[in-house]
Protein backbone atom coordinates (compact mmCIF):
# COMPACT_ATOMS: atom_id res chain seq x y z
CA MET A 1 83.94 139.66 70.84
CA LYS A 2 84.55 136.21 72.30
CA THR A 3 83.77 133.42 69.86
CA ILE A 4 83.61 129.70 70.51
CA THR A 5 83.84 127.08 67.80
CA ILE A 6 81.56 124.06 67.67
CA GLU A 7 81.91 121.19 65.21
CA GLY A 8 78.44 119.93 64.29
CA HIS A 9 77.08 117.06 62.22
CA LEU A 10 74.04 117.32 59.97
CA ARG A 11 70.96 115.46 61.24
CA THR A 12 69.48 113.18 58.62
CA GLU A 13 66.57 111.89 60.68
CA SER A 14 64.13 113.84 62.81
CA GLY A 15 61.65 112.89 65.51
CA LYS A 16 61.81 111.71 69.11
CA LYS A 17 63.45 108.36 68.35
CA ALA A 18 66.29 109.98 66.37
CA ALA A 19 66.75 112.65 69.10
CA ARG A 20 66.94 109.95 71.80
CA GLN A 21 69.54 108.08 69.73
CA ILE A 22 71.63 111.28 69.44
CA ARG A 23 71.39 111.97 73.20
CA SER A 24 72.33 108.39 74.07
CA GLN A 25 75.72 109.05 72.43
CA GLU A 26 76.28 112.16 74.64
CA ASN A 27 75.35 114.50 71.81
CA VAL A 28 72.77 117.30 71.80
CA PRO A 29 70.36 117.97 68.92
CA ALA A 30 70.30 121.61 67.80
CA VAL A 31 68.84 123.87 65.15
CA ILE A 32 70.02 127.10 63.52
CA TYR A 33 67.25 129.57 62.58
CA GLY A 34 67.28 132.99 60.97
CA GLY A 35 69.43 132.40 57.92
CA ALA A 36 68.57 131.39 54.36
CA THR A 37 67.77 127.85 55.51
CA GLU A 38 67.05 126.10 58.79
CA VAL A 39 69.95 123.80 59.76
CA ASN A 40 69.27 120.75 61.93
CA PHE A 41 72.44 119.31 63.42
CA TYR A 42 73.92 117.77 66.53
CA ALA A 43 77.16 118.23 68.43
CA SER A 44 78.72 116.77 71.55
CA ALA A 45 77.30 117.96 74.87
CA LYS A 46 80.86 118.98 75.89
CA ALA A 47 81.15 121.30 72.87
CA PHE A 48 78.06 123.26 74.01
CA LYS A 49 79.24 123.67 77.64
CA PRO A 50 81.23 126.93 77.18
CA LEU A 51 78.25 128.48 75.36
CA VAL A 52 75.53 127.29 77.74
CA TYR A 53 77.10 127.50 81.21
CA THR A 54 78.30 131.10 81.21
CA SER A 55 76.89 134.53 82.02
CA GLU A 56 78.94 136.01 79.17
CA PHE A 57 77.54 136.89 75.77
CA LEU A 58 79.30 134.76 73.17
CA ILE A 59 79.21 134.23 69.43
CA ALA A 60 79.15 130.58 68.37
CA GLU A 61 80.86 129.67 65.14
CA ILE A 62 79.21 126.42 64.12
CA THR A 63 80.70 124.27 61.35
CA VAL A 64 78.27 121.77 59.82
CA ASP A 65 79.35 119.78 56.75
CA GLY A 66 82.07 122.28 55.88
CA LYS A 67 79.76 125.33 56.10
CA LYS A 68 80.30 127.93 58.83
CA TYR A 69 77.47 129.71 60.62
CA ARG A 70 77.91 132.67 63.02
CA CYS A 71 75.21 132.33 65.67
CA ILE A 72 73.99 133.44 69.07
CA LEU A 73 72.19 131.32 71.64
CA LYS A 74 68.41 131.66 71.37
CA ASP A 75 66.90 128.98 73.59
CA LEU A 76 67.77 125.88 75.63
CA GLN A 77 65.86 122.86 76.86
CA PHE A 78 66.93 120.88 79.90
CA ASP A 79 65.58 117.62 81.29
CA LYS A 80 63.35 118.47 84.29
CA VAL A 81 64.70 115.58 86.36
CA SER A 82 68.33 114.98 85.35
CA ASP A 83 69.07 118.59 84.30
CA LEU A 84 70.80 117.31 81.15
CA LEU A 85 70.89 119.59 78.11
CA LEU A 86 68.26 118.26 75.69
CA HIS A 87 68.13 120.78 72.84
CA VAL A 88 69.76 124.03 71.68
CA ASP A 89 68.23 126.70 69.45
CA LEU A 90 70.65 129.09 67.77
CA LEU A 91 70.00 132.23 65.74
CA GLU A 92 72.20 132.82 62.71
CA LEU A 93 73.67 136.31 62.47
CA VAL A 94 72.85 137.91 59.12
CA ASP A 95 74.65 141.24 58.56
CA ASP A 96 71.61 143.32 57.54
CA LYS A 97 69.07 141.65 59.86
CA LYS A 98 68.48 142.90 63.42
CA VAL A 99 68.53 140.27 66.16
CA VAL A 100 67.24 140.23 69.73
CA ALA A 101 69.96 139.23 72.18
CA THR A 102 70.48 139.29 75.95
CA LEU A 103 73.59 141.25 76.91
CA PRO A 104 75.11 141.29 80.41
CA LEU A 105 75.42 144.59 82.28
CA LYS A 106 78.73 145.62 83.81
CA LEU A 107 78.63 148.29 86.51
CA VAL A 108 81.70 150.55 86.47
CA GLY A 109 82.83 153.43 88.64
CA SER A 110 82.60 154.11 92.34
CA SER A 111 79.21 155.45 93.40
CA VAL A 112 79.01 158.63 95.50
CA GLY A 113 76.20 156.96 97.47
CA VAL A 114 78.46 154.04 98.40
CA LYS A 115 81.21 156.47 99.43
CA ALA A 116 78.63 158.12 101.71
CA GLY A 117 78.05 154.78 103.45
CA GLY A 118 75.33 153.22 101.29
CA LYS A 119 75.26 149.75 99.82
CA LEU A 120 75.09 149.06 96.08
CA VAL A 121 72.35 146.62 95.09
CA SER A 122 72.45 145.24 91.56
CA LYS A 123 68.91 144.32 90.49
CA VAL A 124 69.28 143.47 86.79
CA LYS A 125 72.20 141.42 85.47
CA ALA A 126 71.36 141.58 81.75
CA VAL A 127 69.10 143.39 79.29
CA LYS A 128 67.37 142.33 76.09
CA VAL A 129 68.47 144.38 73.08
CA LYS A 130 67.62 144.59 69.40
CA ALA A 131 70.53 145.42 67.12
CA LEU A 132 72.40 144.53 63.96
CA PRO A 133 75.08 141.84 64.47
CA LYS A 134 77.90 144.39 63.95
CA ASP A 135 76.59 146.47 66.88
CA LEU A 136 76.43 143.58 69.38
CA ARG A 137 79.00 143.58 72.17
CA GLU A 138 80.14 141.32 75.03
CA PHE A 139 78.48 143.51 77.66
CA ILE A 140 77.00 146.95 78.24
CA GLU A 141 78.98 149.19 80.58
CA LEU A 142 76.97 151.27 83.01
CA ASP A 143 78.69 154.10 84.89
CA ILE A 144 77.41 154.33 88.48
CA THR A 145 79.73 157.16 89.62
CA ASN A 146 76.88 159.68 90.06
CA LEU A 147 74.49 157.23 91.73
CA GLU A 148 73.57 158.81 95.07
CA LEU A 149 72.25 157.37 98.32
CA ASN A 150 68.65 156.11 97.98
CA ALA A 151 68.78 156.61 94.19
CA ASN A 152 68.11 154.20 91.33
CA LEU A 153 69.58 153.70 87.90
CA ARG A 154 66.79 152.53 85.57
CA ILE A 155 66.61 150.78 82.20
CA GLU A 156 65.73 154.14 80.62
CA ASP A 157 69.12 155.50 81.79
CA ILE A 158 71.01 152.99 79.62
CA LYS A 159 72.10 154.73 76.44
CA VAL A 160 73.82 152.58 73.83
CA PRO A 161 74.28 153.72 70.21
CA ASN A 162 72.58 151.62 67.48
CA MET A 163 70.83 149.44 70.03
CA GLU A 164 67.20 149.33 71.12
CA ILE A 165 66.67 148.14 74.70
CA MET A 166 63.57 145.94 74.91
CA ASN A 167 63.07 145.84 78.71
CA SER A 168 60.50 148.08 80.41
CA PRO A 169 62.11 151.54 80.89
CA ARG A 170 61.09 152.00 84.55
CA ILE A 171 62.74 148.83 85.90
CA PRO A 172 65.57 149.67 88.36
CA VAL A 173 68.96 148.26 87.33
CA ALA A 174 71.00 149.30 90.36
CA SER A 175 70.28 151.14 93.60
CA VAL A 176 72.28 152.54 96.48
CA VAL A 177 70.42 151.76 99.69
CA MET A 178 71.06 152.99 103.19
CA THR A 179 72.81 150.44 105.39
CA ARG A 180 71.53 149.58 108.87
CA GLN A 181 74.65 151.14 110.43
CA LEU A 182 74.11 154.41 108.54
CA LYS A 183 70.43 154.50 109.64
CA GLN A 184 71.49 153.99 113.28
CA GLU A 185 74.12 156.72 113.03
CA GLU A 186 71.56 159.12 111.54
CA SER A 187 68.93 158.37 114.19
CA GLU A 188 71.53 158.80 116.98
CA ALA A 189 72.66 162.10 115.45
CA ALA A 190 69.00 163.21 115.30
CA LYS A 191 68.48 162.26 119.01
CA THR A 192 71.59 164.08 120.20
CA GLY A 193 70.75 167.07 118.01
CA LYS A 194 67.34 167.48 119.74
CA LYS A 195 68.77 167.68 123.27
C-alpha cells in the first residue's frame, strides 16, 4: 500500500493563538487519535499535500520527536474563504483495532451492457469500510463484466473478505443506461416492424 512520510513537530502550546502562530509559518496543526495517547503536532502545509489532495487511499507515516505513527486521514478543516488547510485529524492504526476508512472503488472489466450500446455511469467513487489495518487496501476492485443494459451494481454486490461495508446496501454504485442513439434505433426498429 502506498505510504507517505511526514515529519512532524510536537505542539507544546494549544489554543487559537498558538494555532494561528503555527499557520502563520505555513504549518498546519494536526492531531493523532486512536492510539495509546493523543498526539498534538504540526507539520508543513506542503508535507500534507500528497495526503490531502488525492483520491487515493494512503497510509501516512508520521514521525514526531523520533516516534513513528502509522495513520490514516480522518478529517480535514479548510478556511471557508481562502480554502487553506487549517487542521488535520489522523487515526493511528493499531494492529488489533478495527478502523473505519473510505476506500476508492475501481471498476474493472468491459460491461456486456456497454458492448450492447449502453453507457456506463459511475455513481459512487468510494465506500466506507470497517476493517483491521492489515486488511485495508488501496482500492476495492469491482468487476462490471456481467453488468447488463439498464442494470445496476449496488453496494450489497460488493464482496470483500474481512471488511464490513458501512454504506447503505441498496445504493447503486454503477449503472449501464441506454444512450439516446440506442433509444432512437429501437424506436425506429419498432416503427418499421409494425408496418
